[in-house]
């Protein structure tokens, strides 16, 4: 599952990595609590995406919060 929120108020910086993790965990719980309970936090990665608006390249900073699925052992 992937959730992207690219809209944020202008002039507000990115959350810290720990704040981003809390936001991501709460968001995933709100979207699908059963699925979210099987996730394991891995890391927070900084990244930037670029868009072109009226011929000008705009860089959009973001944080990717990565989770892995906890799989039960198959016996």
Protein backbone atom coordinates (compact mmCIF):
# COMPACT_ATOMS: atom_id res chain seq x y z
CA UNK A 1 0.00 0.00 0.00
CA UNK A 2 1.24 3.47 -0.76
CA UNK A 3 -0.08 6.83 0.39
CA UNK A 4 1.21 10.14 -0.94
CA UNK A 5 0.24 13.57 0.33
CA UNK A 6 1.90 16.18 -1.85
CA UNK A 7 -0.15 19.13 -0.63
CA UNK A 8 1.05 21.13 2.34
CA UNK A 9 0.68 24.75 3.42
CA UNK A 10 3.17 27.13 1.82
CA UNK A 11 6.08 28.19 4.01
CA UNK A 12 5.90 25.26 6.38
CA UNK A 13 9.00 23.07 6.45
CA UNK A 14 9.01 19.30 6.37
CA UNK A 15 8.41 17.41 9.59
CA UNK A 16 11.45 15.92 11.29
CA UNK A 17 12.11 12.25 10.51
CA UNK A 18 10.57 11.20 13.84
CA UNK A 19 7.51 13.42 13.25
CA UNK A 20 7.17 11.99 9.72
CA UNK A 21 7.19 8.47 11.17
CA UNK A 22 4.40 9.34 13.65
CA UNK A 23 2.33 10.98 10.88
CA UNK A 24 2.84 7.99 8.56
CA UNK A 25 1.89 5.46 11.24
CA UNK A 26 -1.27 7.39 12.15
CA UNK A 27 -2.19 7.79 8.46
CA UNK A 28 -1.75 4.08 7.72
CA UNK A 29 -3.79 3.14 10.80
CA UNK A 30 -6.54 5.47 9.60
CA UNK A 31 -6.51 4.01 6.09
CA UNK A 32 -6.40 0.32 7.01
CA UNK A 33 -5.78 -0.56 10.67
CA UNK A 34 -5.55 -4.32 10.09
CA UNK A 35 -2.92 -3.88 7.38
CA UNK A 36 -1.05 -1.23 9.41
CA UNK A 37 -0.66 -3.55 12.39
CA UNK A 38 1.39 -5.91 10.20
CA UNK A 39 3.88 -3.20 9.22
CA UNK A 40 7.37 -2.75 10.62
CA UNK A 41 9.07 0.67 10.44
CA UNK A 42 12.28 0.55 8.39
CA UNK A 43 13.56 4.09 7.72
CA UNK A 44 12.82 7.66 6.66
CA UNK A 45 14.47 8.81 3.43
CA UNK A 46 14.79 12.40 2.18
CA UNK A 47 13.90 12.90 -1.45
CA UNK A 48 12.96 15.66 -3.87
CA UNK A 49 10.60 15.51 -6.82
CA UNK A 50 10.60 18.02 -9.61
CA UNK A 51 7.71 19.43 -11.58
CA UNK A 52 7.69 21.93 -14.41
CA UNK A 53 5.20 24.77 -14.06
CA UNK A 54 5.07 27.47 -16.74
CA UNK A 55 8.48 26.36 -17.97
CA UNK A 56 10.10 26.57 -14.53
CA UNK A 57 11.45 23.54 -12.68
CA UNK A 58 10.13 23.43 -9.13
CA UNK A 59 11.74 21.06 -6.61
CA UNK A 60 9.41 19.59 -4.02
CA UNK A 61 11.20 18.23 -0.94
CA UNK A 62 9.64 15.23 0.76
CA UNK A 63 10.27 12.44 3.19
CA UNK A 64 9.55 8.80 2.35
CA UNK A 65 8.63 6.75 5.39
CA UNK A 66 9.32 3.12 4.59
CA UNK A 67 7.65 0.15 6.23
CA UNK A 68 8.01 -3.58 5.60
CA UNK A 69 5.37 -6.24 6.06
CA UNK A 70 5.89 -8.64 8.93
CA UNK A 71 5.28 -12.10 7.49
CA UNK A 72 4.36 -15.07 9.63
CA UNK A 73 6.55 -18.13 9.27
CA UNK A 74 5.14 -20.77 6.94
CA UNK A 75 5.34 -24.24 8.39
